[in-house]
Amino acid sequence: MGERQYVPMPGYPSPPQSLAGYATYSAAALFTLGDATIALRATNLEDVAHPQAWTYPSSPYPDSAPGLGSAMQYRVDVAWPFFN
């Protein structure tokens, strides 16, 4: 993700802030077992929540803060067709 600018919600007196760019890592594997397909995915392997370009709604009024993205995630998807 490249450099971008965070603009606070209207009504907040905070000036726009620039957010630094970052790199993230992920991995995926796909398996088939008969008719079933199993996908394993891991995202944000560096386990760091990066600031996003939207306002965190619970931030105090005078100082708005950018929201944080999610840290490390694991996901397993199973697709299995049903035949009649």
PDB file of N, CA and C in Angstrom:
ATOM      1  N   MET A   1       0.855  -1.151   0.000  1.00  0.00           N
ATOM      2  CA  MET A   1       0.000   0.000   0.000  1.00  0.00           C
ATOM      3  C   MET A   1       0.905   1.218   0.000  1.00  0.00           C
ATOM      4  N   GLY A   2       0.611   2.148  -0.873  1.00  0.00           N
ATOM      5  CA  GLY A   2       1.422   3.352  -0.975  1.00  0.00           C
ATOM      6  C   GLY A   2       1.012   4.423   0.024  1.00  0.00           C
ATOM      7  N   GLU A   3       1.742   5.510   0.017  1.00  0.00           N
ATOM      8  CA  GLU A   3       1.394   6.639   0.882  1.00  0.00           C
ATOM      9  C   GLU A   3       0.034   7.183   0.499  1.00  0.00           C
ATOM     10  N   ARG A   4      -0.719   7.602   1.500  1.00  0.00           N
ATOM     11  CA  ARG A   4      -2.034   8.174   1.253  1.00  0.00           C
ATOM     12  C   ARG A   4      -2.322   9.204   2.333  1.00  0.00           C
ATOM     13  N   GLN A   5      -3.417   9.909   2.204  1.00  0.00           N
ATOM     14  CA  GLN A   5      -3.738  10.960   3.150  1.00  0.00           C
ATOM     15  C   GLN A   5      -5.018  10.617   3.888  1.00  0.00           C
ATOM     16  N   TYR A   6      -4.987  10.848   5.191  1.00  0.00           N
ATOM     17  CA  TYR A   6      -6.136  10.635   6.054  1.00  0.00           C
ATOM     18  C   TYR A   6      -6.797  11.989   6.284  1.00  0.00           C
ATOM     19  N   VAL A   7      -8.061  12.101   5.920  1.00  0.00           N
ATOM     20  CA  VAL A   7      -8.823  13.330   6.130  1.00  0.00           C
ATOM     21  C   VAL A   7      -9.865  13.044   7.197  1.00  0.00           C
ATOM     22  N   PRO A   8      -9.845  13.786   8.337  1.00  0.00           N
ATOM     23  CA  PRO A   8     -10.816  13.524   9.398  1.00  0.00           C
ATOM     24  C   PRO A   8     -12.252  13.822   8.965  1.00  0.00           C
ATOM     25  N   MET A   9     -13.190  13.306   9.725  1.00  0.00           N
ATOM     26  CA  MET A   9     -14.612  13.532   9.442  1.00  0.00           C
ATOM     27  C   MET A   9     -14.928  15.017   9.528  1.00  0.00           C
ATOM     28  N   PRO A  10     -15.945  15.474   8.806  1.00  0.00           N
ATOM     29  CA  PRO A  10     -16.343  16.886   8.912  1.00  0.00           C
ATOM     30  C   PRO A  10     -16.736  17.226  10.347  1.00  0.00           C
ATOM     31  N   GLY A  11     -16.326  18.372  10.801  1.00  0.00           N
ATOM     32  CA  GLY A  11     -16.624  18.803  12.160  1.00  0.00           C
ATOM     33  C   GLY A  11     -15.451  18.635  13.104  1.00  0.00           C
ATOM     34  N   TYR A  12     -14.476  17.797  12.753  1.00  0.00           N
ATOM     35  CA  TYR A  12     -13.278  17.642  13.566  1.00  0.00           C
ATOM     36  C   TYR A  12     -12.281  18.719  13.149  1.00  0.00           C
ATOM     37  N   PRO A  13     -11.684  19.441  14.097  1.00  0.00           N
ATOM     38  CA  PRO A  13     -10.752  20.506  13.733  1.00  0.00           C
ATOM     39  C   PRO A  13      -9.362  20.001  13.351  1.00  0.00           C
ATOM     40  N   SER A  14      -9.127  18.701  13.336  1.00  0.00           N
ATOM     41  CA  SER A  14      -7.802  18.158  13.020  1.00  0.00           C
ATOM     42  C   SER A  14      -7.471  18.360  11.547  1.00  0.00           C
ATOM     43  N   PRO A  15      -6.230  18.709  11.238  1.00  0.00           N
ATOM     44  CA  PRO A  15      -5.827  18.842   9.835  1.00  0.00           C
ATOM     45  C   PRO A  15      -5.606  17.461   9.211  1.00  0.00           C
ATOM     46  N   PRO A  16      -5.609  17.364   7.886  1.00  0.00           N
ATOM     47  CA  PRO A  16      -5.307  16.090   7.232  1.00  0.00           C
ATOM     48  C   PRO A  16      -3.899  15.611   7.601  1.00  0.00           C
ATOM     49  N   GLN A  17      -3.738  14.301   7.685  1.00  0.00           N
ATOM     50  CA  GLN A  17      -2.446  13.696   8.028  1.00  0.00           C
ATOM     51  C   GLN A  17      -2.038  12.755   6.910  1.00  0.00           C
ATOM     52  N   SER A  18      -0.749  12.642   6.677  1.00  0.00           N
ATOM     53  CA  SER A  18      -0.301  11.662   5.685  1.00  0.00           C
ATOM     54  C   SER A  18       0.014  10.350   6.404  1.00  0.00           C
ATOM     55  N   LEU A  19      -0.396   9.238   5.791  1.00  0.00           N
ATOM     56  CA  LEU A  19      -0.143   7.911   6.337  1.00  0.00           C
ATOM     57  C   LEU A  19       0.972   7.269   5.526  1.00  0.00           C
ATOM     58  N   ALA A  20       1.917   6.694   6.204  1.00  0.00           N
ATOM     59  CA  ALA A  20       3.063   6.071   5.536  1.00  0.00           C
ATOM     60  C   ALA A  20       2.631   4.821   4.775  1.00  0.00           C
ATOM     61  N   GLY A  21       3.354   4.500   3.722  1.00  0.00           N
ATOM     62  CA  GLY A  21       3.103   3.275   2.977  1.00  0.00           C
ATOM     63  C   GLY A  21       3.630   2.069   3.741  1.00  0.00           C
ATOM     64  N   TYR A  22       3.161   0.879   3.374  1.00  0.00           N
ATOM     65  CA  TYR A  22       3.616  -0.339   4.032  1.00  0.00           C
ATOM     66  C   TYR A  22       3.484  -1.512   3.074  1.00  0.00           C
ATOM     67  N   ALA A  23       4.167  -2.588   3.399  1.00  0.00           N
ATOM     68  CA  ALA A  23       4.067  -3.832   2.638  1.00  0.00           C
ATOM     69  C   ALA A  23       3.474  -4.893   3.559  1.00  0.00           C
ATOM     70  N   THR A  24       2.695  -5.763   3.002  1.00  0.00           N
ATOM     71  CA  THR A  24       2.085  -6.832   3.788  1.00  0.00           C
ATOM     72  C   THR A  24       2.331  -8.171   3.085  1.00  0.00           C
ATOM     73  N   TYR A  25       2.302  -9.234   3.844  1.00  0.00           N
ATOM     74  CA  TYR A  25       2.567 -10.563   3.307  1.00  0.00           C
ATOM     75  C   TYR A  25       1.372 -11.456   3.541  1.00  0.00           C
ATOM     76  N   SER A  26       1.143 -12.371   2.611  1.00  0.00           N
ATOM     77  CA  SER A  26       0.061 -13.334   2.762  1.00  0.00           C
ATOM     78  C   SER A  26       0.460 -14.627   2.066  1.00  0.00           C
ATOM     79  N   ALA A  27      -0.271 -15.682   2.386  1.00  0.00           N
ATOM     80  CA  ALA A  27      -0.016 -16.983   1.777  1.00  0.00           C
ATOM     81  C   ALA A  27      -1.350 -17.691   1.572  1.00  0.00           C
ATOM     82  N   ALA A  28      -1.394 -18.556   0.571  1.00  0.00           N
ATOM     83  CA  ALA A  28      -2.621 -19.296   0.291  1.00  0.00           C
ATOM     84  C   ALA A  28      -2.271 -20.684  -0.237  1.00  0.00           C
ATOM     85  N   ALA A  29      -3.128 -21.649   0.058  1.00  0.00           N
ATOM     86  CA  ALA A  29      -2.975 -23.011  -0.455  1.00  0.00           C
ATOM     87  C   ALA A  29      -4.362 -23.535  -0.810  1.00  0.00           C
ATOM     88  N   LEU A  30      -4.437 -24.308  -1.876  1.00  0.00           N
ATOM     89  CA  LEU A  30      -5.706 -24.844  -2.354  1.00  0.00           C
ATOM     90  C   LEU A  30      -5.571 -26.360  -2.474  1.00  0.00           C
ATOM     91  N   PHE A  31      -6.506 -27.085  -1.876  1.00  0.00           N
ATOM     92  CA  PHE A  31      -6.493 -28.548  -1.900  1.00  0.00           C
ATOM     93  C   PHE A  31      -7.828 -29.047  -2.440  1.00  0.00           C
ATOM     94  N   THR A  32      -7.794 -30.180  -3.099  1.00  0.00           N
ATOM     95  CA  THR A  32      -9.033 -30.837  -3.505  1.00  0.00           C
ATOM     96  C   THR A  32      -9.063 -32.232  -2.900  1.00  0.00           C
ATOM     97  N   LEU A  33     -10.210 -32.606  -2.404  1.00  0.00           N
ATOM     98  CA  LEU A  33     -10.402 -33.911  -1.798  1.00  0.00           C
ATOM     99  C   LEU A  33     -11.712 -34.454  -2.354  1.00  0.00           C
ATOM    100  N   GLY A  34     -11.607 -35.279  -3.384  1.00  0.00           N
ATOM    101  CA  GLY A  34     -12.800 -35.735  -4.082  1.00  0.00           C
ATOM    102  C   GLY A  34     -13.432 -34.564  -4.821  1.00  0.00           C
ATOM    103  N   ASP A  35     -14.706 -34.278  -4.520  1.00  0.00           N
ATOM    104  CA  ASP A  35     -15.395 -33.144  -5.128  1.00  0.00           C
ATOM    105  C   ASP A  35     -15.231 -31.860  -4.321  1.00  0.00           C
ATOM    106  N   ALA A  36     -14.711 -31.968  -3.106  1.00  0.00           N
ATOM    107  CA  ALA A  36     -14.584 -30.796  -2.237  1.00  0.00           C
ATOM    108  C   ALA A  36     -13.300 -30.040  -2.545  1.00  0.00           C
ATOM    109  N   THR A  37     -13.375 -28.727  -2.435  1.00  0.00           N
ATOM    110  CA  THR A  37     -12.204 -27.860  -2.593  1.00  0.00           C
ATOM    111  C   THR A  37     -12.000 -27.113  -1.283  1.00  0.00           C
ATOM    112  N   ILE A  38     -10.787 -27.156  -0.753  1.00  0.00           N
ATOM    113  CA  ILE A  38     -10.461 -26.516   0.514  1.00  0.00           C
ATOM    114  C   ILE A  38      -9.396 -25.457   0.246  1.00  0.00           C
ATOM    115  N   ALA A  39      -9.681 -24.224   0.659  1.00  0.00           N
ATOM    116  CA  ALA A  39      -8.736 -23.119   0.484  1.00  0.00           C
ATOM    117  C   ALA A  39      -8.291 -22.631   1.860  1.00  0.00           C
ATOM    118  N   LEU A  40      -6.993 -22.561   2.077  1.00  0.00           N
ATOM    119  CA  LEU A  40      -6.419 -22.036   3.319  1.00  0.00           C
ATOM    120  C   LEU A  40      -5.736 -20.723   2.980  1.00  0.00           C
ATOM    121  N   ARG A  41      -6.057 -19.670   3.738  1.00  0.00           N
ATOM    122  CA  ARG A  41      -5.468 -18.355   3.481  1.00  0.00           C
ATOM    123  C   ARG A  41      -4.988 -17.744   4.787  1.00  0.00           C
ATOM    124  N   ALA A  42      -3.835 -17.116   4.743  1.00  0.00           N
ATOM    125  CA  ALA A  42      -3.305 -16.365   5.882  1.00  0.00           C
ATOM    126  C   ALA A  42      -2.924 -14.988   5.354  1.00  0.00           C
ATOM    127  N   THR A  43      -3.442 -13.941   5.987  1.00  0.00           N
ATOM    128  CA  THR A  43      -3.157 -12.582   5.550  1.00  0.00           C
ATOM    129  C   THR A  43      -2.526 -11.789   6.682  1.00  0.00           C
ATOM    130  N   ASN A  44      -1.816 -10.735   6.313  1.00  0.00           N
ATOM    131  CA  ASN A  44      -1.114  -9.857   7.267  1.00  0.00           C
ATOM    132  C   ASN A  44      -0.206 -10.661   8.191  1.00  0.00           C
ATOM    133  N   LEU A  45       0.679 -11.437   7.599  1.00  0.00           N
ATOM    134  CA  LEU A  45       1.544 -12.311   8.385  1.00  0.00           C
ATOM    135  C   LEU A  45       2.528 -11.555   9.266  1.00  0.00           C
ATOM    136  N   GLU A  46       2.739 -10.271   9.023  1.00  0.00           N
ATOM    137  CA  GLU A  46       3.633  -9.496   9.890  1.00  0.00           C
ATOM    138  C   GLU A  46       2.955  -9.135  11.204  1.00  0.00           C
ATOM    139  N   ASP A  47       1.647  -9.366  11.336  1.00  0.00           N
ATOM    140  CA  ASP A  47       0.869  -9.170  12.566  1.00  0.00           C
ATOM    141  C   ASP A  47       0.948  -7.732  13.094  1.00  0.00           C
ATOM    142  N   VAL A  48       0.779  -6.767  12.189  1.00  0.00           N
ATOM    143  CA  VAL A  48       0.770  -5.355  12.560  1.00  0.00           C
ATOM    144  C   VAL A  48      -0.506  -4.734  12.006  1.00  0.00           C
ATOM    145  N   ALA A  49      -1.253  -4.060  12.866  1.00  0.00           N
ATOM    146  CA  ALA A  49      -2.466  -3.369  12.429  1.00  0.00           C
ATOM    147  C   ALA A  49      -2.066  -1.999  11.885  1.00  0.00           C
ATOM    148  N   HIS A  50      -2.254  -1.782  10.589  1.00  0.00           N
ATOM    149  CA  HIS A  50      -1.842  -0.540   9.942  1.00  0.00           C
ATOM    150  C   HIS A  50      -2.967   0.487   9.968  1.00  0.00           C
ATOM    151  N   PRO A  51      -2.638   1.797  10.084  1.00  0.00           N
ATOM    152  CA  PRO A  51      -3.684   2.826  10.060  1.00  0.00           C
ATOM    153  C   PRO A  51      -4.354   2.904   8.697  1.00  0.00           C
ATOM    154  N   GLN A  52      -5.656   3.125   8.703  1.00  0.00           N
ATOM    155  CA  GLN A  52      -6.448   3.203   7.483  1.00  0.00           C
ATOM    156  C   GLN A  52      -6.891   4.640   7.241  1.00  0.00           C
ATOM    157  N   ALA A  53      -7.480   4.897   6.092  1.00  0.00           N
ATOM    158  CA  ALA A  53      -7.864   6.259   5.716  1.00  0.00           C
ATOM    159  C   ALA A  53      -9.298   6.590   6.107  1.00  0.00           C
ATOM    160  N   TRP A  54      -9.791   6.043   7.199  1.00  0.00           N
ATOM    161  CA  TRP A  54     -11.118   6.383   7.701  1.00  0.00           C
ATOM    162  C   TRP A  54     -10.992   6.718   9.182  1.00  0.00           C
ATOM    163  N   THR A  55     -11.943   7.475   9.713  1.00  0.00           N
ATOM    164  CA  THR A  55     -11.884   7.933  11.098  1.00  0.00           C
ATOM    165  C   THR A  55     -12.423   6.869  12.041  1.00  0.00           C
ATOM    166  N   TYR A  56     -11.680   6.626  13.110  1.00  0.00           N
ATOM    167  CA  TYR A  56     -12.138   5.719  14.154  1.00  0.00           C
ATOM    168  C   TYR A  56     -13.290   6.405  14.888  1.00  0.00           C
ATOM    169  N   PRO A  57     -14.510   5.830  14.863  1.00  0.00           N
ATOM    170  CA  PRO A  57     -15.673   6.547  15.391  1.00  0.00           C
ATOM    171  C   PRO A  57     -15.632   6.823  16.890  1.00  0.00           C
ATOM    172  N   SER A  58     -14.874   6.069  17.663  1.00  0.00           N
ATOM    173  CA  SER A  58     -14.832   6.283  19.117  1.00  0.00           C
ATOM    174  C   SER A  58     -13.676   7.177  19.549  1.00  0.00           C
ATOM    175  N   SER A  59     -13.008   7.822  18.607  1.00  0.00           N
ATOM    176  CA  SER A  59     -11.910   8.712  18.998  1.00  0.00           C
ATOM    177  C   SER A  59     -12.477   9.973  19.643  1.00  0.00           C
ATOM    178  N   PRO A  60     -11.745  10.580  20.573  1.00  0.00           N
ATOM    179  CA  PRO A  60     -12.250  11.770  21.242  1.00  0.00           C
ATOM    180  C   PRO A  60     -12.453  12.918  20.255  1.00  0.00           C
ATOM    181  N   TYR A  61     -13.370  13.825  20.571  1.00  0.00           N
ATOM    182  CA  TYR A  61     -13.769  14.864  19.612  1.00  0.00           C
ATOM    183  C   TYR A  61     -12.639  15.740  19.098  1.00  0.00           C
ATOM    184  N   PRO A  62     -11.862  16.414  19.944  1.00  0.00           N
ATOM    185  CA  PRO A  62     -10.911  17.363  19.335  1.00  0.00           C
ATOM    186  C   PRO A  62      -9.856  16.688  18.469  1.00  0.00           C
ATOM    187  N   ASP A  63      -9.455  15.500  18.813  1.00  0.00           N
ATOM    188  CA  ASP A  63      -8.394  14.810  18.061  1.00  0.00           C
ATOM    189  C   ASP A  63      -8.958  13.546  17.429  1.00  0.00           C
ATOM    190  N   SER A  64      -9.257  13.599  16.162  1.00  0.00           N
ATOM    191  CA  SER A  64      -9.739  12.390  15.488  1.00  0.00           C
ATOM    192  C   SER A  64      -8.539  11.501  15.171  1.00  0.00           C
ATOM    193  N   ALA A  65      -8.752  10.208  15.186  1.00  0.00           N
ATOM    194  CA  ALA A  65      -7.676   9.256  14.931  1.00  0.00           C
ATOM    195  C   ALA A  65      -8.076   8.343  13.778  1.00  0.00           C
ATOM    196  N   PRO A  66      -7.096   7.971  12.939  1.00  0.00           N
ATOM    197  CA  PRO A  66      -7.423   7.031  11.868  1.00  0.00           C
ATOM    198  C   PRO A  66      -7.729   5.645  12.437  1.00  0.00           C
ATOM    199  N   GLY A  67      -8.611   4.928  11.775  1.00  0.00           N
ATOM    200  CA  GLY A  67      -8.932   3.572  12.186  1.00  0.00           C
ATOM    201  C   GLY A  67      -7.778   2.631  11.894  1.00  0.00           C
ATOM    202  N   LEU A  68      -7.721   1.520  12.599  1.00  0.00           N
ATOM    203  CA  LEU A  68      -6.675   0.524  12.384  1.00  0.00           C
ATOM    204  C   LEU A  68      -7.258  -0.677  11.657  1.00  0.00           C
ATOM    205  N   GLY A  69      -6.511  -1.200  10.706  1.00  0.00           N
ATOM    206  CA  GLY A  69      -6.913  -2.413  10.008  1.00  0.00           C
ATOM    207  C   GLY A  69      -6.699  -3.622  10.897  1.00  0.00           C
ATOM    208  N   SER A  70      -7.066  -4.772  10.422  1.00  0.00           N
ATOM    209  CA  SER A  70      -6.909  -5.982  11.207  1.00  0.00           C
ATOM    210  C   SER A  70      -5.473  -6.477  11.160  1.00  0.00           C
ATOM    211  N   ALA A  71      -5.097  -7.206  12.177  1.00  0.00           N
ATOM    212  CA  ALA A  71      -3.768  -7.809  12.214  1.00  0.00           C
ATOM    213  C   ALA A  71      -3.835  -9.177  11.528  1.00  0.00           C
ATOM    214  N   MET A  72      -3.078 -10.142  11.971  1.00  0.00           N
ATOM    215  CA  MET A  72      -3.001 -11.445  11.312  1.00  0.00           C
ATOM    216  C   MET A  72      -4.362 -12.139  11.295  1.00  0.00           C
ATOM    217  N   GLN A  73      -4.690 -12.744  10.144  1.00  0.00           N
ATOM    218  CA  GLN A  73      -5.944 -13.474   9.993  1.00  0.00           C
ATOM    219  C   GLN A  73      -5.688 -14.809   9.301  1.00  0.00           C
ATOM    220  N   TYR A  74      -6.439 -15.810   9.720  1.00  0.00           N
ATOM    221  CA  TYR A  74      -6.432 -17.114   9.062  1.00  0.00           C
ATOM    222  C   TYR A  74      -7.842 -17.388   8.573  1.00  0.00           C
ATOM    223  N   ARG A  75      -7.948 -18.001   7.403  1.00  0.00           N
ATOM    224  CA  ARG A  75      -9.268 -18.290   6.842  1.00  0.00           C
ATOM    225  C   ARG A  75      -9.238 -19.649   6.158  1.00  0.00           C
ATOM    226  N   VAL A  76     -10.288 -20.435   6.391  1.00  0.00           N
ATOM    227  CA  VAL A  76     -10.451 -21.737   5.751  1.00  0.00           C
ATOM    228  C   VAL A  76     -11.800 -21.722   5.034  1.00  0.00           C
ATOM    229  N   ASP A  77     -11.800 -21.993   3.743  1.00  0.00           N
ATOM    230  CA  ASP A  77     -13.028 -22.051   2.952  1.00  0.00           C
ATOM    231  C   ASP A  77     -13.173 -23.464   2.396  1.00  0.00           C
ATOM    232  N   VAL A  78     -14.397 -23.991   2.478  1.00  0.00           N
ATOM    233  CA  VAL A  78     -14.688 -25.306   1.925  1.00  0.00           C
ATOM    234  C   VAL A  78     -15.827 -25.146   0.922  1.00  0.00           C
ATOM    235  N   ALA A  79     -15.601 -25.621  -0.273  1.00  0.00           N
ATOM    236  CA  ALA A  79     -16.637 -25.613  -1.310  1.00  0.00           C
ATOM    237  C   ALA A  79     -16.909 -27.068  -1.710  1.00  0.00           C
ATOM    238  N   TRP A  80     -18.146 -27.478  -1.579  1.00  0.00           N
ATOM    239  CA  TRP A  80     -18.506 -28.856  -1.867  1.00  0.00           C
ATOM    240  C   TRP A  80     -19.808 -28.841  -2.647  1.00  0.00           C
ATOM    241  N   PRO A  81     -19.773 -29.197  -3.933  1.00  0.00           N
ATOM    242  CA  PRO A  81     -20.994 -29.150  -4.736  1.00  0.00           C
ATOM    243  C   PRO A  81     -21.953 -30.277  -4.320  1.00  0.00           C
ATOM    244  N   PHE A  82     -23.223 -29.952  -4.318  1.00  0.00           N
ATOM    245  CA  PHE A  82     -24.255 -30.942  -4.029  1.00  0.00           C
ATOM    246  C   PHE A  82     -24.895 -31.389  -5.340  1.00  0.00           C
ATOM    247  N   PHE A  83     -24.978 -32.692  -5.518  1.00  0.00           N
ATOM    248  CA  PHE A  83     -25.570 -33.262  -6.729  1.00  0.00           C
ATOM    249  C   PHE A  83     -26.885 -33.914  -6.373  1.00  0.00           C
ATOM    250  N   ASN A  84     -27.876 -33.745  -7.205  1.00  0.00           N
ATOM    251  CA  ASN A  84     -29.181 -34.390  -6.963  1.00  0.00           C
ATOM    252  C   ASN A  84     -29.242 -35.720  -7.674  1.00  0.00           C
TER     253      ASN A  84
END
